[in-house]
Amino acid sequence: MPTFESLFKEYYPALCTFAYDFVNRHELAEEIVQDTFMKIWEKFEDLDIQVSEKAYLYRAVQNNCLNYIKQHKVRARYSNELLQQVESRISLFSMASTHSPVEKLEHAELEILAEKAIRKLPPQCQDVFRLSRFEQLSYPEISRHLGISVNTVKTQMTRALQRLRDELLPLLK
């Protein structure tokens, strides 16, 4: 079996390209390939590869990409559900015509906390979020409006939802 270093040097660039086809982000593809090599490094002495090294590496990277995609979908779904909870709480307060002073205070506090969390987002992330949630624009419309790719819109929206979830979830419990 070749050395770890020779495997890395020979296959790293091609594996990054392969991973990019799954995740559509260069940095993420490189991170997945690096993580794959780290896992291999940790158990390199004990590896008993029954197929070619190339096939083994490609399968390992493919599995790690698919695992990332699954985790990403779960996180995105959870973030969307949380955001819908916040939005529905705010809209319920807005729709009801009679509120007790306590309800009005809770509503105002919730709006302030949500706005503070949104303001903490990076500028582009914030723009994408506001255009999507407040202006009701689709991802292609946001892409055209901001002059960025649809994939960038998706990435920025995912980041926004993740950060808002992290910031607001403890407050909803």
Protein backbone atom coordinates (compact mmCIF):
# COMPACT_ATOMS: atom_id res chain seq x y z
CA MET A 1 0.00 0.00 0.00
CA PRO A 2 1.34 3.47 -0.85
CA THR A 3 2.18 5.97 1.85
CA PHE A 4 -0.46 8.31 3.21
CA GLU A 5 1.43 11.30 1.82
CA SER A 6 1.56 9.86 -1.70
CA LEU A 7 -2.19 9.12 -1.61
CA PHE A 8 -2.90 12.65 -0.45
CA LYS A 9 -0.70 14.29 -3.09
CA GLU A 10 -2.05 12.12 -5.90
CA TYR A 11 -5.78 12.27 -5.15
CA TYR A 12 -6.48 15.46 -3.19
CA PRO A 13 -7.13 17.83 -6.15
CA ALA A 14 -9.34 15.34 -8.00
CA LEU A 15 -11.26 14.48 -4.84
CA CYS A 16 -11.92 18.18 -4.20
CA THR A 17 -13.38 18.48 -7.69
CA PHE A 18 -15.44 15.34 -7.09
CA ALA A 19 -16.77 16.68 -3.77
CA TYR A 20 -17.56 20.05 -5.36
CA ASP A 21 -19.98 18.28 -7.69
CA PHE A 22 -21.98 17.29 -4.60
CA VAL A 23 -21.84 20.44 -2.47
CA ASN A 24 -21.27 23.27 -5.00
CA ARG A 25 -18.89 25.18 -2.72
CA HIS A 26 -15.12 25.00 -3.10
CA GLU A 27 -14.28 25.65 0.55
CA LEU A 28 -16.79 23.07 1.71
CA ALA A 29 -15.56 20.50 -0.82
CA GLU A 30 -11.99 20.98 0.41
CA GLU A 31 -13.11 20.70 4.02
CA ILE A 32 -14.93 17.42 3.31
CA VAL A 33 -11.91 15.97 1.51
CA GLN A 34 -9.59 17.10 4.32
CA ASP A 35 -11.90 15.53 6.90
CA THR A 36 -11.93 12.31 4.87
CA PHE A 37 -8.14 12.23 4.81
CA MET A 38 -8.03 12.98 8.55
CA LYS A 39 -10.26 9.98 9.25
CA ILE A 40 -8.08 7.84 7.02
CA TRP A 41 -4.93 9.14 8.72
CA GLU A 42 -6.33 8.22 12.14
CA LYS A 43 -6.80 4.59 11.10
CA PHE A 44 -4.22 4.37 8.30
CA GLU A 45 -2.10 1.64 9.91
CA ASP A 46 -5.16 -0.58 10.42
CA LEU A 47 -6.77 -0.07 7.02
CA ASP A 48 -7.36 -3.16 4.95
CA ILE A 49 -8.58 -1.84 1.62
CA GLN A 50 -10.18 -4.58 -0.48
CA VAL A 51 -10.64 -2.40 -3.58
CA SER A 52 -8.27 0.02 -5.25
CA GLU A 53 -7.09 2.97 -3.19
CA LYS A 54 -8.70 5.29 -5.71
CA ALA A 55 -12.11 3.58 -5.43
CA TYR A 56 -11.84 3.58 -1.63
CA LEU A 57 -11.02 7.31 -1.49
CA TYR A 58 -13.78 8.29 -3.91
CA ARG A 59 -16.34 6.22 -2.00
CA ALA A 60 -15.23 7.71 1.32
CA VAL A 61 -15.52 11.27 -0.04
CA GLN A 62 -18.89 10.48 -1.62
CA ASN A 63 -20.21 9.11 1.69
CA ASN A 64 -18.97 12.17 3.58
CA CYS A 65 -20.60 14.49 1.03
CA LEU A 66 -23.90 12.64 1.30
CA ASN A 67 -23.73 12.74 5.09
CA TYR A 68 -23.12 16.50 4.96
CA ILE A 69 -26.09 16.99 2.61
CA LYS A 70 -28.39 14.98 4.90
CA GLN A 71 -27.28 16.94 7.98
CA HIS A 72 -27.63 20.21 6.10
CA LYS A 73 -31.23 19.38 5.09
CA VAL A 74 -32.17 18.51 8.67
CA ARG A 75 -30.63 21.74 9.97
CA ALA A 76 -32.35 23.81 7.28
CA ARG A 77 -35.73 22.21 8.01
CA TYR A 78 -35.28 22.80 11.74
CA SER A 79 -34.23 26.41 11.15
CA ASN A 80 -37.25 27.04 8.94
CA GLU A 81 -39.58 25.57 11.58
CA LEU A 82 -38.09 27.77 14.28
CA LEU A 83 -38.35 30.85 12.13
CA GLN A 84 -41.98 30.04 11.37
CA GLN A 85 -42.63 29.77 15.12
CA VAL A 86 -41.16 33.23 15.69
CA GLU A 87 -43.02 34.69 12.70
CA SER A 88 -46.31 33.12 13.78
CA ARG A 89 -45.92 34.41 17.33
CA ILE A 90 -45.27 37.91 16.02
CA SER A 91 -48.19 37.76 13.56
CA LEU A 92 -50.56 36.36 16.21
CA PHE A 93 -49.79 39.34 18.39
CA SER A 94 -50.27 41.68 15.45
CA MET A 95 -53.64 40.21 14.41
CA ALA A 96 -55.34 40.18 17.79
CA SER A 97 -57.03 43.49 18.49
CA THR A 98 -57.15 43.24 22.26
CA HIS A 99 -53.97 42.58 24.15
CA SER A 100 -53.28 42.76 27.79
CA PRO A 101 -50.40 45.03 28.74
CA VAL A 102 -48.27 41.92 29.41
CA GLU A 103 -49.01 40.51 25.92
CA LYS A 104 -48.17 43.84 24.32
CA LEU A 105 -44.88 43.93 26.22
CA GLU A 106 -44.04 40.33 25.24
CA HIS A 107 -44.82 41.12 21.62
CA ALA A 108 -42.67 44.24 21.64
CA GLU A 109 -39.82 42.36 23.33
CA LEU A 110 -40.05 39.51 20.82
CA GLU A 111 -39.93 41.93 17.90
CA ILE A 112 -36.96 43.75 19.42
CA LEU A 113 -35.08 40.49 20.04
CA ALA A 114 -35.80 39.26 16.50
CA GLU A 115 -34.64 42.57 15.00
CA LYS A 116 -31.47 42.57 17.12
CA ALA A 117 -30.69 39.03 15.98
CA ILE A 118 -31.24 40.01 12.34
CA ARG A 119 -28.97 43.06 12.72
CA LYS A 120 -26.16 40.81 13.98
CA LEU A 121 -26.11 38.98 10.64
CA PRO A 122 -23.42 39.94 8.10
CA PRO A 123 -24.70 42.57 5.63
CA GLN A 124 -25.28 40.27 2.63
CA CYS A 125 -26.82 37.60 4.84
CA GLN A 126 -29.11 40.22 6.36
CA ASP A 127 -30.13 41.54 2.93
CA VAL A 128 -30.99 38.06 1.67
CA PHE A 129 -32.99 37.29 4.80
CA ARG A 130 -34.96 40.56 4.72
CA LEU A 131 -35.74 40.25 1.01
CA SER A 132 -36.94 36.68 1.48
CA ARG A 133 -38.93 37.05 4.70
CA PHE A 134 -40.12 40.64 4.63
CA GLU A 135 -40.33 41.39 0.91
CA GLN A 136 -41.48 37.85 0.01
CA LEU A 137 -39.00 37.62 -2.90
CA SER A 138 -38.03 34.23 -4.33
CA TYR A 139 -34.40 33.13 -4.44
CA PRO A 140 -34.08 33.92 -8.18
CA GLU A 141 -35.59 37.38 -7.56
CA ILE A 142 -33.17 38.01 -4.70
CA SER A 143 -30.33 36.80 -6.91
CA ARG A 144 -31.21 39.32 -9.61
CA HIS A 145 -31.87 42.11 -7.10
CA LEU A 146 -28.51 41.70 -5.34
CA GLY A 147 -26.49 40.61 -8.38
CA ILE A 148 -25.41 37.32 -6.80
CA SER A 149 -25.95 33.69 -7.78
CA VAL A 150 -28.95 31.69 -6.61
CA ASN A 151 -26.52 29.34 -4.82
CA THR A 152 -25.11 32.30 -2.91
CA VAL A 153 -28.65 33.30 -1.96
CA LYS A 154 -29.29 29.77 -0.69
CA THR A 155 -26.03 29.74 1.25
CA GLN A 156 -26.68 33.15 2.81
CA MET A 157 -30.24 32.19 3.73
CA THR A 158 -29.05 28.96 5.34
CA ARG A 159 -26.47 30.92 7.34
CA ALA A 160 -29.09 33.47 8.38
CA LEU A 161 -31.53 30.81 9.53
CA GLN A 162 -28.82 28.94 11.43
CA ARG A 163 -27.62 32.05 13.24
CA LEU A 164 -31.15 33.21 14.02
CA ARG A 165 -32.02 29.76 15.33
CA ASP A 166 -28.93 29.78 17.55
CA GLU A 167 -29.76 33.26 18.80
CA LEU A 168 -33.52 32.94 19.27
CA LEU A 169 -34.13 29.32 20.24
CA PRO A 170 -33.00 29.75 23.85
CA LEU A 171 -35.44 32.66 24.17
CA LEU A 172 -38.42 30.61 23.01
CA LYS A 173 -37.99 27.87 25.60
